[in-house]
PDB file of N, CA and C in Angstrom:
ATOM      1  N   UNK A   1       0.845  -1.180   0.000  1.00  0.00           N
ATOM      2  CA  UNK A   1       0.000   0.000   0.000  1.00  0.00           C
ATOM      3  C   UNK A   1       0.893   1.247   0.000  1.00  0.00           C
ATOM      4  N   UNK A   2       0.597   2.172  -0.867  1.00  0.00           N
ATOM      5  CA  UNK A   2       1.347   3.431  -0.955  1.00  0.00           C
ATOM      6  C   UNK A   2       1.002   4.321   0.238  1.00  0.00           C
ATOM      7  N   UNK A   3       1.895   5.276   0.571  1.00  0.00           N
ATOM      8  CA  UNK A   3       1.673   6.102   1.759  1.00  0.00           C
ATOM      9  C   UNK A   3       0.419   6.960   1.649  1.00  0.00           C
ATOM     10  N   UNK A   4       0.074   7.431   0.448  1.00  0.00           N
ATOM     11  CA  UNK A   4      -1.135   8.231   0.277  1.00  0.00           C
ATOM     12  C   UNK A   4      -2.391   7.408   0.512  1.00  0.00           C
ATOM     13  N   UNK A   5      -2.382   6.175   0.024  1.00  0.00           N
ATOM     14  CA  UNK A   5      -3.524   5.283   0.252  1.00  0.00           C
ATOM     15  C   UNK A   5      -3.701   5.003   1.744  1.00  0.00           C
ATOM     16  N   UNK A   6      -2.589   4.827   2.444  1.00  0.00           N
ATOM     17  CA  UNK A   6      -2.644   4.569   3.888  1.00  0.00           C
ATOM     18  C   UNK A   6      -3.203   5.789   4.624  1.00  0.00           C
ATOM     19  N   UNK A   7      -2.750   6.984   4.238  1.00  0.00           N
ATOM     20  CA  UNK A   7      -3.266   8.214   4.860  1.00  0.00           C
ATOM     21  C   UNK A   7      -4.773   8.345   4.654  1.00  0.00           C
ATOM     22  N   UNK A   8      -5.225   8.074   3.437  1.00  0.00           N
ATOM     23  CA  UNK A   8      -6.658   8.164   3.140  1.00  0.00           C
ATOM     24  C   UNK A   8      -7.433   7.138   3.966  1.00  0.00           C
ATOM     25  N   UNK A   9      -6.957   5.915   4.001  1.00  0.00           N
ATOM     26  CA  UNK A   9      -7.633   4.840   4.726  1.00  0.00           C
ATOM     27  C   UNK A   9      -7.762   5.143   6.219  1.00  0.00           C
ATOM     28  N   UNK A  10      -6.724   5.720   6.811  1.00  0.00           N
ATOM     29  CA  UNK A  10      -6.700   5.959   8.256  1.00  0.00           C
ATOM     30  C   UNK A  10      -7.247   7.325   8.666  1.00  0.00           C
ATOM     31  N   UNK A  11      -7.628   8.145   7.721  1.00  0.00           N
ATOM     32  CA  UNK A  11      -7.999   9.525   8.039  1.00  0.00           C
ATOM     33  C   UNK A  11      -9.328   9.628   8.773  1.00  0.00           C
ATOM     34  N   UNK A  12      -9.440  10.690   9.551  1.00  0.00           N
ATOM     35  CA  UNK A  12     -10.674  11.045  10.254  1.00  0.00           C
ATOM     36  C   UNK A  12     -10.839  12.558  10.150  1.00  0.00           C
ATOM     37  N   UNK A  13     -12.066  13.005   9.995  1.00  0.00           N
ATOM     38  CA  UNK A  13     -12.331  14.438  10.013  1.00  0.00           C
ATOM     39  C   UNK A  13     -11.886  15.007  11.357  1.00  0.00           C
ATOM     40  N   UNK A  14     -11.216  16.131  11.306  1.00  0.00           N
ATOM     41  CA  UNK A  14     -10.654  16.703  12.526  1.00  0.00           C
ATOM     42  C   UNK A  14     -11.196  18.113  12.761  1.00  0.00           C
ATOM     43  N   UNK A  15     -11.851  18.336  13.917  1.00  0.00           N
ATOM     44  CA  UNK A  15     -12.297  19.696  14.240  1.00  0.00           C
ATOM     45  C   UNK A  15     -11.159  20.492  14.886  1.00  0.00           C
ATOM     46  N   UNK A  16     -11.093  21.756  14.550  1.00  0.00           N
ATOM     47  CA  UNK A  16     -10.157  22.672  15.189  1.00  0.00           C
ATOM     48  C   UNK A  16     -10.956  23.772  15.863  1.00  0.00           C
ATOM     49  N   UNK A  17     -10.443  24.339  16.941  1.00  0.00           N
ATOM     50  CA  UNK A  17     -11.144  25.461  17.572  1.00  0.00           C
ATOM     51  C   UNK A  17     -11.256  26.642  16.601  1.00  0.00           C
ATOM     52  N   UNK A  18     -12.416  27.248  16.579  1.00  0.00           N
ATOM     53  CA  UNK A  18     -12.646  28.436  15.759  1.00  0.00           C
ATOM     54  C   UNK A  18     -11.890  29.608  16.393  1.00  0.00           C
ATOM     55  N   UNK A  19     -11.001  30.262  15.662  1.00  0.00           N
ATOM     56  CA  UNK A  19     -10.250  31.369  16.254  1.00  0.00           C
ATOM     57  C   UNK A  19     -11.116  32.613  16.525  1.00  0.00           C
ATOM     58  N   UNK A  20     -12.305  32.687  15.914  1.00  0.00           N
ATOM     59  CA  UNK A  20     -13.197  33.831  16.111  1.00  0.00           C
ATOM     60  C   UNK A  20     -14.631  33.356  16.352  1.00  0.00           C
ATOM     61  N   UNK A  21     -14.892  32.668  17.455  1.00  0.00           N
ATOM     62  CA  UNK A  21     -16.227  32.106  17.684  1.00  0.00           C
ATOM     63  C   UNK A  21     -17.320  33.148  17.928  1.00  0.00           C
ATOM     64  N   UNK A  22     -16.931  34.387  18.236  1.00  0.00           N
ATOM     65  CA  UNK A  22     -17.925  35.436  18.486  1.00  0.00           C
ATOM     66  C   UNK A  22     -18.293  36.211  17.228  1.00  0.00           C
ATOM     67  N   UNK A  23     -17.740  35.803  16.092  1.00  0.00           N
ATOM     68  CA  UNK A  23     -17.970  36.521  14.838  1.00  0.00           C
ATOM     69  C   UNK A  23     -18.585  35.588  13.817  1.00  0.00           C
ATOM     70  N   UNK A  24     -19.578  36.073  13.099  1.00  0.00           N
ATOM     71  CA  UNK A  24     -20.100  35.335  11.951  1.00  0.00           C
ATOM     72  C   UNK A  24     -19.198  35.604  10.752  1.00  0.00           C
ATOM     73  N   UNK A  25     -18.666  34.560  10.179  1.00  0.00           N
ATOM     74  CA  UNK A  25     -17.924  34.670   8.926  1.00  0.00           C
ATOM     75  C   UNK A  25     -18.132  33.374   8.157  1.00  0.00           C
ATOM     76  N   UNK A  26     -17.986  33.460   6.857  1.00  0.00           N
ATOM     77  CA  UNK A  26     -18.273  32.329   5.981  1.00  0.00           C
ATOM     78  C   UNK A  26     -16.981  31.674   5.519  1.00  0.00           C
ATOM     79  N   UNK A  27     -16.973  30.352   5.561  1.00  0.00           N
ATOM     80  CA  UNK A  27     -15.884  29.557   5.003  1.00  0.00           C
ATOM     81  C   UNK A  27     -16.451  28.848   3.778  1.00  0.00           C
ATOM     82  N   UNK A  28     -15.788  29.007   2.662  1.00  0.00           N
ATOM     83  CA  UNK A  28     -16.239  28.464   1.381  1.00  0.00           C
ATOM     84  C   UNK A  28     -15.126  27.564   0.851  1.00  0.00           C
ATOM     85  N   UNK A  29     -15.383  26.260   0.764  1.00  0.00           N
ATOM     86  CA  UNK A  29     -14.380  25.275   0.349  1.00  0.00           C
ATOM     87  C   UNK A  29     -14.875  24.587  -0.919  1.00  0.00           C
ATOM     88  N   UNK A  30     -13.996  24.464  -1.897  1.00  0.00           N
ATOM     89  CA  UNK A  30     -14.332  23.771  -3.139  1.00  0.00           C
ATOM     90  C   UNK A  30     -13.369  22.609  -3.334  1.00  0.00           C
ATOM     91  N   UNK A  31     -13.938  21.453  -3.625  1.00  0.00           N
ATOM     92  CA  UNK A  31     -13.163  20.236  -3.873  1.00  0.00           C
ATOM     93  C   UNK A  31     -13.525  19.772  -5.289  1.00  0.00           C
ATOM     94  N   UNK A  32     -12.734  20.184  -6.311  1.00  0.00           N
ATOM     95  CA  UNK A  32     -13.137  19.961  -7.703  1.00  0.00           C
ATOM     96  C   UNK A  32     -12.877  18.565  -8.259  1.00  0.00           C
ATOM     97  N   UNK A  33     -12.244  17.679  -7.502  1.00  0.00           N
ATOM     98  CA  UNK A  33     -11.896  16.367  -8.050  1.00  0.00           C
ATOM     99  C   UNK A  33     -12.507  15.221  -7.256  1.00  0.00           C
ATOM    100  N   UNK A  34     -13.736  15.412  -6.777  1.00  0.00           N
ATOM    101  CA  UNK A  34     -14.420  14.357  -6.020  1.00  0.00           C
ATOM    102  C   UNK A  34     -14.790  13.222  -6.968  1.00  0.00           C
ATOM    103  N   UNK A  35     -14.634  12.001  -6.485  1.00  0.00           N
ATOM    104  CA  UNK A  35     -15.081  10.853  -7.281  1.00  0.00           C
ATOM    105  C   UNK A  35     -15.589   9.747  -6.366  1.00  0.00           C
ATOM    106  N   UNK A  36     -16.483   8.966  -6.927  1.00  0.00           N
ATOM    107  CA  UNK A  36     -17.019   7.775  -6.264  1.00  0.00           C
ATOM    108  C   UNK A  36     -17.464   6.830  -7.382  1.00  0.00           C
ATOM    109  N   UNK A  37     -18.085   5.730  -7.016  1.00  0.00           N
ATOM    110  CA  UNK A  37     -18.522   4.751  -8.004  1.00  0.00           C
ATOM    111  C   UNK A  37     -20.038   4.630  -7.995  1.00  0.00           C
ATOM    112  N   UNK A  38     -20.619   4.516  -9.165  1.00  0.00           N
ATOM    113  CA  UNK A  38     -22.064   4.325  -9.276  1.00  0.00           C
ATOM    114  C   UNK A  38     -22.430   2.978  -8.652  1.00  0.00           C
ATOM    115  N   UNK A  39     -23.410   2.954  -7.725  1.00  0.00           N
ATOM    116  CA  UNK A  39     -23.759   1.693  -7.079  1.00  0.00           C
ATOM    117  C   UNK A  39     -24.448   0.702  -8.009  1.00  0.00           C
ATOM    118  N   UNK A  40     -24.945   1.172  -9.135  1.00  0.00           N
ATOM    119  CA  UNK A  40     -25.624   0.275 -10.071  1.00  0.00           C
ATOM    120  C   UNK A  40     -24.668  -0.295 -11.115  1.00  0.00           C
ATOM    121  N   UNK A  41     -23.879   0.597 -11.736  1.00  0.00           N
ATOM    122  CA  UNK A  41     -23.030   0.161 -12.848  1.00  0.00           C
ATOM    123  C   UNK A  41     -21.571  -0.065 -12.461  1.00  0.00           C
ATOM    124  N   UNK A  42     -21.119   0.601 -11.406  1.00  0.00           N
ATOM    125  CA  UNK A  42     -19.705   0.549 -11.055  1.00  0.00           C
ATOM    126  C   UNK A  42     -18.869   1.572 -11.798  1.00  0.00           C
ATOM    127  N   UNK A  43     -19.487   2.312 -12.728  1.00  0.00           N
ATOM    128  CA  UNK A  43     -18.764   3.364 -13.443  1.00  0.00           C
ATOM    129  C   UNK A  43     -18.412   4.496 -12.480  1.00  0.00           C
ATOM    130  N   UNK A  44     -17.297   5.184 -12.729  1.00  0.00           N
ATOM    131  CA  UNK A  44     -16.948   6.302 -11.851  1.00  0.00           C
ATOM    132  C   UNK A  44     -17.861   7.510 -12.100  1.00  0.00           C
ATOM    133  N   UNK A  45     -18.159   8.200 -11.029  1.00  0.00           N
ATOM    134  CA  UNK A  45     -18.881   9.469 -11.072  1.00  0.00           C
ATOM    135  C   UNK A  45     -17.947  10.545 -10.537  1.00  0.00           C
ATOM    136  N   UNK A  46     -18.035  11.732 -11.113  1.00  0.00           N
ATOM    137  CA  UNK A  46     -17.164  12.842 -10.725  1.00  0.00           C
ATOM    138  C   UNK A  46     -18.011  14.056 -10.395  1.00  0.00           C
ATOM    139  N   UNK A  47     -17.535  14.819  -9.415  1.00  0.00           N
ATOM    140  CA  UNK A  47     -18.278  16.009  -9.004  1.00  0.00           C
ATOM    141  C   UNK A  47     -17.329  17.050  -8.441  1.00  0.00           C
ATOM    142  N   UNK A  48     -17.824  18.265  -8.403  1.00  0.00           N
ATOM    143  CA  UNK A  48     -17.222  19.314  -7.589  1.00  0.00           C
ATOM    144  C   UNK A  48     -18.081  19.409  -6.339  1.00  0.00           C
ATOM    145  N   UNK A  49     -17.456  19.231  -5.196  1.00  0.00           N
ATOM    146  CA  UNK A  49     -18.158  19.359  -3.922  1.00  0.00           C
ATOM    147  C   UNK A  49     -17.832  20.740  -3.364  1.00  0.00           C
ATOM    148  N   UNK A  50     -18.881  21.476  -3.053  1.00  0.00           N
ATOM    149  CA  UNK A  50     -18.712  22.815  -2.480  1.00  0.00           C
ATOM    150  C   UNK A  50     -19.307  22.798  -1.077  1.00  0.00           C
ATOM    151  N   UNK A  51     -18.537  23.286  -0.129  1.00  0.00           N
ATOM    152  CA  UNK A  51     -18.954  23.335   1.271  1.00  0.00           C
ATOM    153  C   UNK A  51     -18.909  24.796   1.706  1.00  0.00           C
ATOM    154  N   UNK A  52     -20.041  25.292   2.180  1.00  0.00           N
ATOM    155  CA  UNK A  52     -20.137  26.673   2.637  1.00  0.00           C
ATOM    156  C   UNK A  52     -20.690  26.624   4.053  1.00  0.00           C
ATOM    157  N   UNK A  53     -19.958  27.216   4.993  1.00  0.00           N
ATOM    158  CA  UNK A  53     -20.480  27.184   6.360  1.00  0.00           C
ATOM    159  C   UNK A  53     -20.073  28.409   7.162  1.00  0.00           C
ATOM    160  N   UNK A  54     -20.890  28.698   8.168  1.00  0.00           N
ATOM    161  CA  UNK A  54     -20.581  29.697   9.187  1.00  0.00           C
ATOM    162  C   UNK A  54     -20.283  28.900  10.448  1.00  0.00           C
ATOM    163  N   UNK A  55     -19.032  28.924  10.899  1.00  0.00           N
ATOM    164  CA  UNK A  55     -18.668  28.085  12.041  1.00  0.00           C
ATOM    165  C   UNK A  55     -19.224  28.634  13.353  1.00  0.00           C
ATOM    166  N   UNK A  56     -19.315  27.748  14.326  1.00  0.00           N
ATOM    167  CA  UNK A  56     -19.623  28.160  15.693  1.00  0.00           C
ATOM    168  C   UNK A  56     -18.340  27.970  16.502  1.00  0.00           C
ATOM    169  N   UNK A  57     -18.216  26.872  17.212  1.00  0.00           N
ATOM    170  CA  UNK A  57     -17.036  26.656  18.053  1.00  0.00           C
ATOM    171  C   UNK A  57     -15.878  25.980  17.310  1.00  0.00           C
ATOM    172  N   UNK A  58     -16.193  25.346  16.163  1.00  0.00           N
ATOM    173  CA  UNK A  58     -15.164  24.577  15.460  1.00  0.00           C
ATOM    174  C   UNK A  58     -15.142  24.875  13.965  1.00  0.00           C
ATOM    175  N   UNK A  59     -13.953  24.678  13.391  1.00  0.00           N
ATOM    176  CA  UNK A  59     -13.754  24.685  11.939  1.00  0.00           C
ATOM    177  C   UNK A  59     -13.172  23.317  11.586  1.00  0.00           C
ATOM    178  N   UNK A  60     -13.227  22.953  10.309  1.00  0.00           N
ATOM    179  CA  UNK A  60     -12.670  21.666   9.906  1.00  0.00           C
ATOM    180  C   UNK A  60     -11.223  21.869   9.441  1.00  0.00           C
ATOM    181  N   UNK A  61     -10.351  20.989   9.878  1.00  0.00           N
ATOM    182  CA  UNK A  61      -8.963  21.003   9.436  1.00  0.00           C
ATOM    183  C   UNK A  61      -8.950  20.532   7.988  1.00  0.00           C
ATOM    184  N   UNK A  62      -8.322  21.306   7.105  1.00  0.00           N
ATOM    185  CA  UNK A  62      -8.475  21.086   5.665  1.00  0.00           C
ATOM    186  C   UNK A  62      -7.819  19.805   5.147  1.00  0.00           C
ATOM    187  N   UNK A  63      -6.678  19.415   5.677  1.00  0.00           N
ATOM    188  CA  UNK A  63      -6.074  18.171   5.191  1.00  0.00           C
ATOM    189  C   UNK A  63      -6.954  16.979   5.569  1.00  0.00           C
ATOM    190  N   UNK A  64      -7.531  17.006   6.771  1.00  0.00           N
ATOM    191  CA  UNK A  64      -8.409  15.905   7.169  1.00  0.00           C
ATOM    192  C   UNK A  64      -9.640  15.860   6.270  1.00  0.00           C
ATOM    193  N   UNK A  65     -10.131  17.028   5.849  1.00  0.00           N
ATOM    194  CA  UNK A  65     -11.275  17.092   4.935  1.00  0.00           C
ATOM    195  C   UNK A  65     -10.895  16.516   3.573  1.00  0.00           C
ATOM    196  N   UNK A  66      -9.740  16.891   3.073  1.00  0.00           N
ATOM    197  CA  UNK A  66      -9.273  16.374   1.777  1.00  0.00           C
ATOM    198  C   UNK A  66      -9.175  14.852   1.802  1.00  0.00           C
ATOM    199  N   UNK A  67      -8.566  14.316   2.846  1.00  0.00           N
ATOM    200  CA  UNK A  67      -8.417  12.861   2.946  1.00  0.00           C
ATOM    201  C   UNK A  67      -9.776  12.188   3.105  1.00  0.00           C
ATOM    202  N   UNK A  68     -10.661  12.788   3.901  1.00  0.00           N
ATOM    203  CA  UNK A  68     -12.017  12.254   4.083  1.00  0.00           C
ATOM    204  C   UNK A  68     -12.749  12.177   2.738  1.00  0.00           C
ATOM    205  N   UNK A  69     -12.692  13.235   1.966  1.00  0.00           N
ATOM    206  CA  UNK A  69     -13.386  13.249   0.675  1.00  0.00           C
ATOM    207  C   UNK A  69     -12.775  12.253  -0.302  1.00  0.00           C
ATOM    208  N   UNK A  70     -11.472  12.043  -0.204  1.00  0.00           N
ATOM    209  CA  UNK A  70     -10.824  11.055  -1.076  1.00  0.00           C
ATOM    210  C   UNK A  70     -11.217   9.626  -0.727  1.00  0.00           C
ATOM    211  N   UNK A  71     -11.715   9.378   0.478  1.00  0.00           N
ATOM    212  CA  UNK A  71     -12.170   8.026   0.851  1.00  0.00           C
ATOM    213  C   UNK A  71     -13.326   7.554  -0.021  1.00  0.00           C
ATOM    214  N   UNK A  72     -14.061   8.477  -0.593  1.00  0.00           N
ATOM    215  CA  UNK A  72     -15.232   8.114  -1.391  1.00  0.00           C
ATOM    216  C   UNK A  72     -14.875   7.506  -2.747  1.00  0.00           C
ATOM    217  N   UNK A  73     -13.648   7.671  -3.195  1.00  0.00           N
ATOM    218  CA  UNK A  73     -13.310   7.305  -4.578  1.00  0.00           C
ATOM    219  C   UNK A  73     -13.518   5.828  -4.904  1.00  0.00           C
ATOM    220  N   UNK A  74     -13.499   4.961  -3.910  1.00  0.00           N
ATOM    221  CA  UNK A  74     -13.719   3.538  -4.140  1.00  0.00           C
ATOM    222  C   UNK A  74     -15.043   3.040  -3.575  1.00  0.00           C
ATOM    223  N   UNK A  75     -15.914   3.966  -3.177  1.00  0.00           N
ATOM    224  CA  UNK A  75     -17.205   3.584  -2.595  1.00  0.00           C
ATOM    225  C   UNK A  75     -18.297   3.598  -3.655  1.00  0.00           C
ATOM    226  N   UNK A  76     -19.166   2.615  -3.587  1.00  0.00           N
ATOM    227  CA  UNK A  76     -20.352   2.575  -4.436  1.00  0.00           C
ATOM    228  C   UNK A  76     -21.432   3.377  -3.715  1.00  0.00           C
ATOM    229  N   UNK A  77     -21.734   4.578  -4.244  1.00  0.00           N
ATOM    230  CA  UNK A  77     -22.647   5.473  -3.550  1.00  0.00           C
ATOM    231  C   UNK A  77     -23.295   6.415  -4.565  1.00  0.00           C
ATOM    232  N   UNK A  78     -24.575   6.675  -4.382  1.00  0.00           N
ATOM    233  CA  UNK A  78     -25.295   7.551  -5.315  1.00  0.00           C
ATOM    234  C   UNK A  78     -24.933   9.010  -5.067  1.00  0.00           C
ATOM    235  N   UNK A  79     -25.261   9.845  -6.046  1.00  0.00           N
ATOM    236  CA  UNK A  79     -25.036  11.288  -5.926  1.00  0.00           C
ATOM    237  C   UNK A  79     -25.721  11.830  -4.672  1.00  0.00           C
ATOM    238  N   UNK A  80     -26.980  11.419  -4.511  1.00  0.00           N
ATOM    239  CA  UNK A  80     -27.783  11.925  -3.395  1.00  0.00           C
ATOM    240  C   UNK A  80     -27.221  11.480  -2.051  1.00  0.00           C
ATOM    241  N   UNK A  81     -26.852  10.203  -1.973  1.00  0.00           N
ATOM    242  CA  UNK A  81     -26.335   9.681  -0.707  1.00  0.00           C
ATOM    243  C   UNK A  81     -24.986  10.302  -0.364  1.00  0.00           C
ATOM    244  N   UNK A  82     -24.100  10.446  -1.345  1.00  0.00           N
ATOM    245  CA  UNK A  82     -22.779  11.026  -1.089  1.00  0.00           C
ATOM    246  C   UNK A  82     -22.902  12.462  -0.587  1.00  0.00           C
ATOM    247  N   UNK A  83     -23.707  13.266  -1.262  1.00  0.00           N
ATOM    248  CA  UNK A  83     -23.851  14.672  -0.875  1.00  0.00           C
ATOM    249  C   UNK A  83     -24.454  14.782   0.523  1.00  0.00           C
ATOM    250  N   UNK A  84     -25.492  13.997   0.803  1.00  0.00           N
ATOM    251  CA  UNK A  84     -26.125  14.029   2.121  1.00  0.00           C
ATOM    252  C   UNK A  84     -25.209  13.500   3.222  1.00  0.00           C
ATOM    253  N   UNK A  85     -24.409  12.494   2.920  1.00  0.00           N
ATOM    254  CA  UNK A  85     -23.484  11.926   3.919  1.00  0.00           C
ATOM    255  C   UNK A  85     -22.393  12.933   4.272  1.00  0.00           C
ATOM    256  N   UNK A  86     -21.869  13.620   3.280  1.00  0.00           N
ATOM    257  CA  UNK A  86     -20.858  14.655   3.546  1.00  0.00           C
ATOM    258  C   UNK A  86     -21.460  15.732   4.443  1.00  0.00           C
ATOM    259  N   UNK A  87     -22.668  16.175   4.099  1.00  0.00           N
ATOM    260  CA  UNK A  87     -23.361  17.173   4.917  1.00  0.00           C
ATOM    261  C   UNK A  87     -23.518  16.669   6.359  1.00  0.00           C
ATOM    262  N   UNK A  88     -24.039  15.472   6.509  1.00  0.00           N
ATOM    263  CA  UNK A  88     -24.308  14.906   7.835  1.00  0.00           C
ATOM    264  C   UNK A  88     -23.042  14.786   8.675  1.00  0.00           C
ATOM    265  N   UNK A  89     -21.971  14.281   8.072  1.00  0.00           N
ATOM    266  CA  UNK A  89     -20.715  14.115   8.812  1.00  0.00           C
ATOM    267  C   UNK A  89     -20.149  15.461   9.253  1.00  0.00           C
ATOM    268  N   UNK A  90     -20.178  16.453   8.368  1.00  0.00           N
ATOM    269  CA  UNK A  90     -19.672  17.778   8.736  1.00  0.00           C
ATOM    270  C   UNK A  90     -20.557  18.446   9.782  1.00  0.00           C
ATOM    271  N   UNK A  91     -21.868  18.314   9.623  1.00  0.00           N
ATOM    272  CA  UNK A  91     -22.783  18.932  10.586  1.00  0.00           C
ATOM    273  C   UNK A  91     -22.591  18.324  11.981  1.00  0.00           C
ATOM    274  N   UNK A  92     -22.497  17.013  12.050  1.00  0.00           N
ATOM    275  CA  UNK A  92     -22.319  16.342  13.339  1.00  0.00           C
ATOM    276  C   UNK A  92     -20.978  16.672  13.987  1.00  0.00           C
ATOM    277  N   UNK A  93     -19.945  16.870  13.181  1.00  0.00           N
ATOM    278  CA  UNK A  93     -18.617  17.182  13.703  1.00  0.00           C
ATOM    279  C   UNK A  93     -18.522  18.625  14.190  1.00  0.00           C
ATOM    280  N   UNK A  94     -19.044  19.555  13.398  1.00  0.00           N
ATOM    281  CA  UNK A  94     -18.802  20.974  13.641  1.00  0.00           C
ATOM    282  C   UNK A  94     -19.936  21.699  14.356  1.00  0.00           C
ATOM    283  N   UNK A  95     -21.163  21.224  14.215  1.00  0.00           N
ATOM    284  CA  UNK A  95     -22.340  21.940  14.733  1.00  0.00           C
ATOM    285  C   UNK A  95     -22.283  23.422  14.331  1.00  0.00           C
ATOM    286  N   UNK A  96     -22.153  23.689  13.041  1.00  0.00           N
ATOM    287  CA  UNK A  96     -21.983  25.074  12.593  1.00  0.00           C
ATOM    288  C   UNK A  96     -23.280  25.870  12.701  1.00  0.00           C
ATOM    289  N   UNK A  97     -23.158  27.172  12.629  1.00  0.00           N
ATOM    290  CA  UNK A  97     -24.334  28.041  12.636  1.00  0.00           C
ATOM    291  C   UNK A  97     -25.130  27.881  11.346  1.00  0.00           C
ATOM    292  N   UNK A  98     -24.414  27.609  10.272  1.00  0.00           N
ATOM    293  CA  UNK A  98     -25.051  27.383   8.971  1.00  0.00           C
ATOM    294  C   UNK A  98     -24.130  26.471   8.168  1.00  0.00           C
ATOM    295  N   UNK A  99     -24.731  25.567   7.392  1.00  0.00           N
ATOM    296  CA  UNK A  99     -23.948  24.665   6.545  1.00  0.00           C
ATOM    297  C   UNK A  99     -24.727  24.372   5.274  1.00  0.00           C
ATOM    298  N   UNK A 100     -24.030  24.433   4.153  1.00  0.00           N
ATOM    299  CA  UNK A 100     -24.587  23.994   2.877  1.00  0.00           C
ATOM    300  C   UNK A 100     -23.527  23.175   2.164  1.00  0.00           C
ATOM    301  N   UNK A 101     -23.936  22.026   1.642  1.00  0.00           N
ATOM    302  CA  UNK A 101     -23.055  21.182   0.829  1.00  0.00           C
ATOM    303  C   UNK A 101     -23.726  21.030  -0.529  1.00  0.00           C
ATOM    304  N   UNK A 102     -22.959  21.315  -1.570  1.00  0.00           N
ATOM    305  CA  UNK A 102     -23.460  21.211  -2.943  1.00  0.00           C
ATOM    306  C   UNK A 102     -22.609  20.183  -3.682  1.00  0.00           C
ATOM    307  N   UNK A 103     -23.274  19.185  -4.247  1.00  0.00           N
ATOM    308  CA  UNK A 103     -22.622  18.227  -5.129  1.00  0.00           C
ATOM    309  C   UNK A 103     -22.993  18.583  -6.558  1.00  0.00           C
ATOM    310  N   UNK A 104     -22.047  19.113  -7.300  1.00  0.00           N
ATOM    311  CA  UNK A 104     -22.257  19.501  -8.697  1.00  0.00           C
ATOM    312  C   UNK A 104     -21.643  18.387  -9.552  1.00  0.00           C
ATOM    313  N   UNK A 105     -22.486  17.452  -9.966  1.00  0.00           N
ATOM    314  CA  UNK A 105     -22.037  16.213 -10.595  1.00  0.00           C
ATOM    315  C   UNK A 105     -21.844  16.391 -12.089  1.00  0.00           C
ATOM    316  N   UNK A 106     -20.742  15.855 -12.590  1.00  0.00           N
ATOM    317  CA  UNK A 106     -20.472  15.913 -14.026  1.00  0.00           C
ATOM    318  C   UNK A 106     -21.521  15.102 -14.784  1.00  0.00           C
ATOM    319  N   UNK A 107     -21.881  15.545 -15.984  1.00  0.00           N
ATOM    320  CA  UNK A 107     -22.859  14.786 -16.767  1.00  0.00           C
ATOM    321  C   UNK A 107     -22.340  13.381 -17.089  1.00  0.00           C
ATOM    322  N   UNK A 108     -23.260  12.442 -17.021  1.00  0.00           N
ATOM    323  CA  UNK A 108     -22.970  11.079 -17.457  1.00  0.00           C
ATOM    324  C   UNK A 108     -24.253  10.561 -18.083  1.00  0.00           C
ATOM    325  N   UNK A 109     -24.158  10.031 -19.277  1.00  0.00           N
ATOM    326  CA  UNK A 109     -25.355   9.594 -19.989  1.00  0.00           C
ATOM    327  C   UNK A 109     -26.265  10.766 -20.317  1.00  0.00           C
ATOM    328  N   UNK A 110     -25.655  11.938 -20.533  1.00  0.00           N
ATOM    329  CA  UNK A 110     -26.358  13.169 -20.900  1.00  0.00           C
ATOM    330  C   UNK A 110     -27.261  13.688 -19.774  1.00  0.00           C
ATOM    331  N   UNK A 111     -26.959  13.332 -18.519  1.00  0.00           N
ATOM    332  CA  UNK A 111     -27.731  13.801 -17.373  1.00  0.00           C
ATOM    333  C   UNK A 111     -26.803  14.539 -16.412  1.00  0.00           C
ATOM    334  N   UNK A 112     -27.176  15.767 -16.083  1.00  0.00           N
ATOM    335  CA  UNK A 112     -26.424  16.602 -15.142  1.00  0.00           C
ATOM    336  C   UNK A 112     -27.235  16.710 -13.857  1.00  0.00           C
ATOM    337  N   UNK A 113     -26.582  16.513 -12.719  1.00  0.00           N
ATOM    338  CA  UNK A 113     -27.270  16.558 -11.428  1.00  0.00           C
ATOM    339  C   UNK A 113     -26.543  17.504 -10.487  1.00  0.00           C
ATOM    340  N   UNK A 114     -27.313  18.327  -9.785  1.00  0.00           N
ATOM    341  CA  UNK A 114     -26.781  19.162  -8.705  1.00  0.00           C
ATOM    342  C   UNK A 114     -27.617  18.863  -7.471  1.00  0.00           C
ATOM    343  N   UNK A 115     -26.948  18.460  -6.397  1.00  0.00           N
ATOM    344  CA  UNK A 115     -27.618  18.147  -5.133  1.00  0.00           C
ATOM    345  C   UNK A 115     -27.202  19.212  -4.129  1.00  0.00           C
ATOM    346  N   UNK A 116     -28.181  19.836  -3.476  1.00  0.00           N
ATOM    347  CA  UNK A 116     -27.906  20.837  -2.437  1.00  0.00           C
ATOM    348  C   UNK A 116     -28.534  20.364  -1.125  1.00  0.00           C
ATOM    349  N   UNK A 117     -27.746  20.397  -0.059  1.00  0.00           N
ATOM    350  CA  UNK A 117     -28.255  20.096   1.270  1.00  0.00           C
ATOM    351  C   UNK A 117     -27.867  21.275   2.152  1.00  0.00           C
ATOM    352  N   UNK A 118     -28.855  21.850   2.834  1.00  0.00           N
ATOM    353  CA  UNK A 118     -28.604  23.051   3.614  1.00  0.00           C
ATOM    354  C   UNK A 118     -29.247  22.959   4.983  1.00  0.00           C
ATOM    355  N   UNK A 119     -28.562  23.463   5.989  1.00  0.00           N
ATOM    356  CA  UNK A 119     -29.139  23.508   7.333  1.00  0.00           C
ATOM    357  C   UNK A 119     -30.373  24.404   7.364  1.00  0.00           C
ATOM    358  N   UNK A 120     -30.436  25.373   6.487  1.00  0.00           N
ATOM    359  CA  UNK A 120     -31.610  26.257   6.446  1.00  0.00           C
ATOM    360  C   UNK A 120     -32.843  25.513   5.943  1.00  0.00           C
ATOM    361  N   UNK A 121     -32.665  24.442   5.198  1.00  0.00           N
ATOM    362  CA  UNK A 121     -33.789  23.635   4.729  1.00  0.00           C
ATOM    363  C   UNK A 121     -34.164  22.544   5.726  1.00  0.00           C
ATOM    364  N   UNK A 122     -33.326  22.329   6.749  1.00  0.00           N
ATOM    365  CA  UNK A 122     -33.532  21.221   7.682  1.00  0.00           C
ATOM    366  C   UNK A 122     -33.869  21.680   9.095  1.00  0.00           C
ATOM    367  N   UNK A 123     -34.497  22.811   9.221  1.00  0.00           N
ATOM    368  CA  UNK A 123     -34.852  23.316  10.561  1.00  0.00           C
ATOM    369  C   UNK A 123     -36.201  22.847  10.972  1.00  0.00           C
TER     370      UNK A 123
END
């Protein structure tokens, strides 16, 4: 096993203390090379994952986020499930004031899908 594969396999999302917990500010993260496998066909699916949040007590450590997102590359998971799972894991870890996760999926079979999950829709 290569060292990068080992890092991905062993990774865990890591919360860091928010340096400005008394201030509302937005963190906008884009991960343009997300991939996973279609649970029906096994073909690869590709997306840009966008994470927008207003932190409360914690922010996400970016290397842990990168490794976490790379864990999906060998998982059989639908667009909807992947986007919702990323949202759920980040929400449970950070308990942010606001969170939105957008899965902007590349077209496959002439179908383009965008999945949005937002804390404002889940109140």
